[in-house]
Amino acid sequence: NSFNSAISACGRAGELDTALELLSTGMRAAGVEPDVVSWSAAIAACQRRGEWRRALELLDGMRRQGVAPNERTFGAAISACAKGGAPPERALELLAEMRSSGLRVTQAATRDQPRSTQRS
C-alpha cells in the first residue's frame, strides 16, 4: 500500500521520526492497519539509523498487535542490533527465535536493508 512505500522512503531518507509517525498514527487515522510489510519497513528504518532499541520495541509492538514477524522483519531487527552496537546476545536471541518460529534463516533474511515491499 502507499503507506508502506512512504514508510520505506522516509526510512531511506533518514527520516526515522516521520516513518514512525506514519506507522503509529498516519495509517490508523486513515483506517489502515499496519501489516507485516509496514512494521518491517519501520524496523528497517530503525536499522538504517542504528536504533536497535527502537527496532526491538517495534518488534514487540507488532506482536502485541497480532502481526507475526517474517524473515525480513527479523533480518532488519538483527541488522539493527549489529549496526547499533547491541550486545551480541540480543542478535543471537532473535536468530534463535526466528528459527523456533519455523522461519528459514537465509542470506536474504539477514541483509542490512530488507525490501519492505516484499512479502514472505
N, C-alpha and C. Protein backbone atom coordinates (compact mmCIF):
# COMPACT_ATOMS: atom_id res chain seq x y z
N ASN A 1 0.84 -1.19 0.00
CA ASN A 1 0.00 0.00 0.00
C ASN A 1 0.88 1.24 0.00
N SER A 2 0.27 2.37 -0.16
CA SER A 2 1.02 3.62 -0.27
C SER A 2 1.72 3.98 1.03
N PHE A 3 1.11 3.65 2.16
CA PHE A 3 1.77 3.94 3.44
C PHE A 3 3.07 3.16 3.57
N ASN A 4 3.07 1.90 3.16
CA ASN A 4 4.29 1.10 3.24
C ASN A 4 5.40 1.73 2.41
N SER A 5 5.06 2.19 1.22
CA SER A 5 6.05 2.85 0.37
C SER A 5 6.55 4.13 1.00
N ALA A 6 5.66 4.89 1.62
CA ALA A 6 6.07 6.14 2.26
C ALA A 6 6.96 5.87 3.47
N ILE A 7 6.63 4.84 4.26
CA ILE A 7 7.47 4.49 5.41
C ILE A 7 8.86 4.11 4.92
N SER A 8 8.93 3.30 3.86
CA SER A 8 10.22 2.90 3.30
C SER A 8 11.01 4.10 2.79
N ALA A 9 10.33 4.99 2.08
CA ALA A 9 11.00 6.17 1.53
C ALA A 9 11.56 7.05 2.66
N CYS A 10 10.77 7.25 3.70
CA CYS A 10 11.24 8.05 4.83
C CYS A 10 12.43 7.39 5.50
N GLY A 11 12.37 6.09 5.64
CA GLY A 11 13.49 5.37 6.25
C GLY A 11 14.76 5.50 5.44
N ARG A 12 14.65 5.37 4.13
CA ARG A 12 15.82 5.50 3.26
C ARG A 12 16.39 6.92 3.31
N ALA A 13 15.52 7.89 3.52
CA ALA A 13 15.96 9.30 3.56
C ALA A 13 16.47 9.70 4.95
N GLY A 14 16.43 8.77 5.90
CA GLY A 14 16.90 9.09 7.25
C GLY A 14 15.86 9.80 8.11
N GLU A 15 14.63 9.83 7.64
CA GLU A 15 13.55 10.50 8.37
C GLU A 15 12.82 9.48 9.26
N LEU A 16 13.53 8.98 10.25
CA LEU A 16 13.00 7.93 11.10
C LEU A 16 11.75 8.36 11.84
N ASP A 17 11.76 9.55 12.42
CA ASP A 17 10.59 10.00 13.17
C ASP A 17 9.34 10.10 12.29
N THR A 18 9.52 10.55 11.07
CA THR A 18 8.39 10.64 10.14
C THR A 18 7.89 9.24 9.78
N ALA A 19 8.81 8.32 9.55
CA ALA A 19 8.42 6.94 9.24
C ALA A 19 7.61 6.34 10.39
N LEU A 20 8.07 6.57 11.62
CA LEU A 20 7.37 6.01 12.77
C LEU A 20 6.04 6.69 13.01
N GLU A 21 5.96 7.97 12.71
CA GLU A 21 4.69 8.69 12.82
C GLU A 21 3.66 8.14 11.83
N LEU A 22 4.09 7.85 10.62
CA LEU A 22 3.20 7.25 9.64
C LEU A 22 2.67 5.91 10.15
N LEU A 23 3.56 5.12 10.73
CA LEU A 23 3.17 3.81 11.25
C LEU A 23 2.20 3.94 12.43
N SER A 24 2.54 4.82 13.37
CA SER A 24 1.78 4.86 14.62
C SER A 24 0.45 5.60 14.52
N THR A 25 0.41 6.68 13.75
CA THR A 25 -0.84 7.44 13.71
C THR A 25 -1.38 7.66 12.31
N GLY A 26 -0.50 7.86 11.35
CA GLY A 26 -0.96 8.15 9.99
C GLY A 26 -1.82 7.05 9.39
N MET A 27 -1.37 5.83 9.54
CA MET A 27 -2.12 4.71 8.97
C MET A 27 -3.46 4.54 9.67
N ARG A 28 -3.43 4.56 10.98
CA ARG A 28 -4.67 4.35 11.73
C ARG A 28 -5.68 5.47 11.49
N ALA A 29 -5.18 6.70 11.35
CA ALA A 29 -6.08 7.82 11.07
C ALA A 29 -6.78 7.64 9.73
N ALA A 30 -6.12 6.94 8.82
CA ALA A 30 -6.71 6.67 7.50
C ALA A 30 -7.52 5.37 7.49
N GLY A 31 -7.59 4.70 8.65
CA GLY A 31 -8.34 3.46 8.72
C GLY A 31 -7.59 2.26 8.15
N VAL A 32 -6.26 2.37 8.11
CA VAL A 32 -5.43 1.30 7.57
C VAL A 32 -4.62 0.70 8.72
N GLU A 33 -4.74 -0.61 8.90
CA GLU A 33 -3.97 -1.28 9.94
C GLU A 33 -2.61 -1.67 9.39
N PRO A 34 -1.55 -1.41 10.13
CA PRO A 34 -0.21 -1.82 9.69
C PRO A 34 -0.12 -3.34 9.56
N ASP A 35 0.50 -3.79 8.49
CA ASP A 35 0.72 -5.22 8.27
C ASP A 35 2.20 -5.53 8.44
N VAL A 36 2.59 -6.76 8.16
CA VAL A 36 3.98 -7.16 8.35
C VAL A 36 4.93 -6.30 7.51
N VAL A 37 4.48 -5.87 6.34
CA VAL A 37 5.32 -5.04 5.48
C VAL A 37 5.52 -3.66 6.11
N SER A 38 4.46 -3.10 6.68
CA SER A 38 4.55 -1.80 7.35
C SER A 38 5.53 -1.84 8.51
N TRP A 39 5.34 -2.84 9.37
CA TRP A 39 6.21 -2.98 10.54
C TRP A 39 7.65 -3.23 10.11
N SER A 40 7.84 -4.08 9.11
CA SER A 40 9.20 -4.38 8.64
C SER A 40 9.88 -3.14 8.08
N ALA A 41 9.13 -2.32 7.36
CA ALA A 41 9.69 -1.08 6.81
C ALA A 41 10.12 -0.14 7.93
N ALA A 42 9.32 -0.06 8.98
CA ALA A 42 9.67 0.80 10.11
C ALA A 42 10.90 0.26 10.86
N ILE A 43 10.96 -1.05 11.03
CA ILE A 43 12.12 -1.66 11.69
C ILE A 43 13.37 -1.46 10.84
N ALA A 44 13.23 -1.57 9.52
CA ALA A 44 14.36 -1.32 8.62
C ALA A 44 14.81 0.14 8.71
N ALA A 45 13.87 1.07 8.90
CA ALA A 45 14.24 2.48 9.08
C ALA A 45 15.07 2.65 10.35
N CYS A 46 14.70 1.94 11.40
CA CYS A 46 15.48 1.98 12.64
C CYS A 46 16.87 1.39 12.41
N GLN A 47 16.91 0.30 11.66
CA GLN A 47 18.18 -0.36 11.36
C GLN A 47 19.13 0.60 10.66
N ARG A 48 18.63 1.35 9.70
CA ARG A 48 19.47 2.27 8.94
C ARG A 48 20.11 3.33 9.82
N ARG A 49 19.45 3.67 10.91
CA ARG A 49 19.97 4.68 11.85
C ARG A 49 20.70 4.05 13.03
N GLY A 50 20.75 2.72 13.08
CA GLY A 50 21.41 2.06 14.20
C GLY A 50 20.61 2.12 15.49
N GLU A 51 19.31 2.33 15.37
CA GLU A 51 18.42 2.46 16.54
C GLU A 51 17.88 1.09 16.94
N TRP A 52 18.76 0.25 17.48
CA TRP A 52 18.37 -1.13 17.77
C TRP A 52 17.29 -1.23 18.84
N ARG A 53 17.34 -0.36 19.83
CA ARG A 53 16.31 -0.43 20.88
C ARG A 53 14.93 -0.12 20.31
N ARG A 54 14.86 0.90 19.47
CA ARG A 54 13.58 1.23 18.85
C ARG A 54 13.11 0.12 17.93
N ALA A 55 14.04 -0.50 17.22
CA ALA A 55 13.69 -1.62 16.35
C ALA A 55 13.07 -2.75 17.16
N LEU A 56 13.66 -3.06 18.31
CA LEU A 56 13.14 -4.15 19.14
C LEU A 56 11.81 -3.76 19.79
N GLU A 57 11.64 -2.49 20.10
CA GLU A 57 10.34 -2.02 20.62
C GLU A 57 9.26 -2.20 19.57
N LEU A 58 9.59 -1.90 18.32
CA LEU A 58 8.62 -2.10 17.23
C LEU A 58 8.30 -3.57 17.04
N LEU A 59 9.32 -4.41 17.13
CA LEU A 59 9.11 -5.85 17.00
C LEU A 59 8.14 -6.33 18.07
N ASP A 60 8.32 -5.87 19.30
CA ASP A 60 7.38 -6.22 20.37
C ASP A 60 5.99 -5.66 20.10
N GLY A 61 5.94 -4.42 19.61
CA GLY A 61 4.66 -3.78 19.32
C GLY A 61 3.87 -4.51 18.25
N MET A 62 4.56 -4.96 17.22
CA MET A 62 3.83 -5.66 16.15
C MET A 62 3.24 -6.96 16.67
N ARG A 63 3.98 -7.63 17.53
CA ARG A 63 3.46 -8.88 18.12
C ARG A 63 2.23 -8.59 18.98
N ARG A 64 2.29 -7.51 19.75
CA ARG A 64 1.13 -7.14 20.58
C ARG A 64 -0.10 -6.85 19.72
N GLN A 65 0.14 -6.37 18.51
CA GLN A 65 -0.97 -6.09 17.59
C GLN A 65 -1.41 -7.34 16.82
N GLY A 66 -0.77 -8.46 17.09
CA GLY A 66 -1.16 -9.71 16.44
C GLY A 66 -0.56 -9.92 15.06
N VAL A 67 0.51 -9.17 14.75
CA VAL A 67 1.18 -9.31 13.46
C VAL A 67 2.45 -10.12 13.68
N ALA A 68 2.55 -11.25 12.98
CA ALA A 68 3.72 -12.12 13.13
C ALA A 68 4.87 -11.62 12.27
N PRO A 69 6.06 -11.52 12.84
CA PRO A 69 7.22 -11.11 12.04
C PRO A 69 7.60 -12.19 11.04
N ASN A 70 8.14 -11.75 9.91
CA ASN A 70 8.62 -12.70 8.90
C ASN A 70 10.15 -12.63 8.83
N GLU A 71 10.72 -13.30 7.85
CA GLU A 71 12.18 -13.35 7.73
C GLU A 71 12.78 -11.97 7.58
N ARG A 72 12.15 -11.12 6.80
CA ARG A 72 12.70 -9.78 6.59
C ARG A 72 12.59 -8.93 7.85
N THR A 73 11.54 -9.12 8.61
CA THR A 73 11.39 -8.38 9.86
C THR A 73 12.53 -8.74 10.81
N PHE A 74 12.74 -10.04 10.99
CA PHE A 74 13.82 -10.48 11.86
C PHE A 74 15.17 -10.03 11.32
N GLY A 75 15.35 -10.11 10.00
CA GLY A 75 16.62 -9.68 9.41
C GLY A 75 16.93 -8.22 9.70
N ALA A 76 15.91 -7.37 9.59
CA ALA A 76 16.11 -5.95 9.87
C ALA A 76 16.42 -5.73 11.35
N ALA A 77 15.73 -6.45 12.23
CA ALA A 77 15.97 -6.30 13.66
C ALA A 77 17.37 -6.79 14.04
N ILE A 78 17.78 -7.91 13.47
CA ILE A 78 19.13 -8.43 13.74
C ILE A 78 20.19 -7.44 13.23
N SER A 79 19.97 -6.91 12.04
CA SER A 79 20.91 -5.93 11.48
C SER A 79 20.94 -4.65 12.31
N ALA A 80 19.80 -4.25 12.86
CA ALA A 80 19.76 -3.07 13.73
C ALA A 80 20.63 -3.31 14.96
N CYS A 81 20.55 -4.52 15.50
CA CYS A 81 21.39 -4.86 16.66
C CYS A 81 22.87 -4.78 16.29
N ALA A 82 23.21 -5.31 15.13
CA ALA A 82 24.61 -5.30 14.69
C ALA A 82 25.11 -3.88 14.45
N LYS A 83 24.31 -3.10 13.74
CA LYS A 83 24.74 -1.75 13.39
C LYS A 83 24.75 -0.81 14.59
N GLY A 84 23.81 -1.01 15.51
CA GLY A 84 23.67 -0.10 16.63
C GLY A 84 24.52 -0.44 17.84
N GLY A 85 25.23 -1.56 17.77
CA GLY A 85 26.11 -1.91 18.87
C GLY A 85 25.41 -2.58 20.04
N ALA A 86 24.31 -3.28 19.77
CA ALA A 86 23.62 -4.02 20.82
C ALA A 86 24.51 -5.15 21.31
N PRO A 87 24.28 -5.61 22.53
CA PRO A 87 25.02 -6.79 22.98
C PRO A 87 24.77 -7.95 22.01
N PRO A 88 25.78 -8.70 21.67
CA PRO A 88 25.62 -9.79 20.70
C PRO A 88 24.53 -10.78 21.08
N GLU A 89 24.28 -10.91 22.36
CA GLU A 89 23.25 -11.84 22.82
C GLU A 89 21.87 -11.49 22.26
N ARG A 90 21.60 -10.19 22.08
CA ARG A 90 20.29 -9.77 21.56
C ARG A 90 20.10 -10.29 20.14
N ALA A 91 21.11 -10.15 19.30
CA ALA A 91 21.02 -10.65 17.93
C ALA A 91 20.89 -12.17 17.92
N LEU A 92 21.63 -12.83 18.79
CA LEU A 92 21.56 -14.29 18.85
C LEU A 92 20.20 -14.76 19.34
N GLU A 93 19.61 -14.03 20.29
CA GLU A 93 18.26 -14.36 20.75
C GLU A 93 17.25 -14.24 19.62
N LEU A 94 17.37 -13.19 18.82
CA LEU A 94 16.46 -13.01 17.68
C LEU A 94 16.63 -14.12 16.66
N LEU A 95 17.87 -14.49 16.41
CA LEU A 95 18.14 -15.58 15.47
C LEU A 95 17.52 -16.89 15.97
N ALA A 96 17.67 -17.17 17.24
CA ALA A 96 17.08 -18.38 17.82
C ALA A 96 15.56 -18.33 17.75
N GLU A 97 15.00 -17.16 18.03
CA GLU A 97 13.55 -17.00 17.96
C GLU A 97 13.05 -17.20 16.53
N MET A 98 13.79 -16.68 15.59
CA MET A 98 13.44 -16.84 14.19
C MET A 98 13.37 -18.32 13.82
N ARG A 99 14.38 -19.05 14.23
CA ARG A 99 14.42 -20.49 13.95
C ARG A 99 13.28 -21.22 14.65
N SER A 100 13.03 -20.87 15.92
CA SER A 100 11.98 -21.57 16.66
C SER A 100 10.59 -21.25 16.11
N SER A 101 10.47 -20.14 15.40
CA SER A 101 9.20 -19.79 14.77
C SER A 101 8.98 -20.53 13.46
N GLY A 102 9.98 -21.30 13.07
CA GLY A 102 9.86 -22.06 11.83
C GLY A 102 10.24 -21.27 10.59
N LEU A 103 10.83 -20.10 10.79
CA LEU A 103 11.24 -19.28 9.65
C LEU A 103 12.62 -19.71 9.20
N ARG A 104 12.84 -19.64 7.90
CA ARG A 104 14.14 -20.01 7.36
C ARG A 104 15.13 -18.87 7.55
N VAL A 105 16.31 -19.23 7.98
CA VAL A 105 17.39 -18.26 8.09
C VAL A 105 18.17 -18.33 6.80
N THR A 106 18.09 -17.27 6.02
CA THR A 106 18.78 -17.21 4.74
C THR A 106 19.61 -15.94 4.68
N GLN A 107 20.45 -15.88 3.68
CA GLN A 107 21.24 -14.66 3.49
C GLN A 107 20.32 -13.47 3.27
N ALA A 108 19.24 -13.66 2.50
CA ALA A 108 18.32 -12.56 2.23
C ALA A 108 17.66 -12.06 3.51
N ALA A 109 17.40 -12.96 4.45
CA ALA A 109 16.73 -12.57 5.69
C ALA A 109 17.64 -11.76 6.60
N THR A 110 18.93 -11.86 6.41
CA THR A 110 19.84 -11.15 7.31
C THR A 110 20.63 -10.04 6.62
N ARG A 111 20.18 -9.62 5.46
CA ARG A 111 20.80 -8.46 4.81
C ARG A 111 20.51 -7.21 5.59
N ASP A 112 21.36 -6.23 5.44
CA ASP A 112 21.21 -4.99 6.20
C ASP A 112 19.99 -4.17 5.81
N GLN A 113 19.57 -4.22 4.55
CA GLN A 113 18.48 -3.37 4.14
C GLN A 113 17.41 -4.20 3.41
N PRO A 114 16.48 -4.78 4.17
CA PRO A 114 15.46 -5.61 3.55
C PRO A 114 14.49 -4.79 2.72
N ARG A 115 13.98 -5.38 1.69
CA ARG A 115 12.96 -4.71 0.89
C ARG A 115 11.63 -4.81 1.63
N SER A 116 11.09 -3.69 1.97
CA SER A 116 9.87 -3.69 2.77
C SER A 116 8.63 -3.97 1.94
N THR A 117 8.77 -3.93 0.63
CA THR A 117 7.59 -4.12 -0.20
C THR A 117 7.37 -5.57 -0.59
N GLN A 118 8.26 -6.47 -0.17
CA GLN A 118 8.07 -7.88 -0.48
C GLN A 118 7.46 -8.58 0.71
N ARG A 119 6.62 -9.54 0.42
CA ARG A 119 6.00 -10.35 1.45
C ARG A 119 6.62 -11.74 1.40
N SER A 120 6.67 -12.39 2.57
CA SER A 120 7.15 -13.76 2.61
C SER A 120 5.99 -14.70 2.76
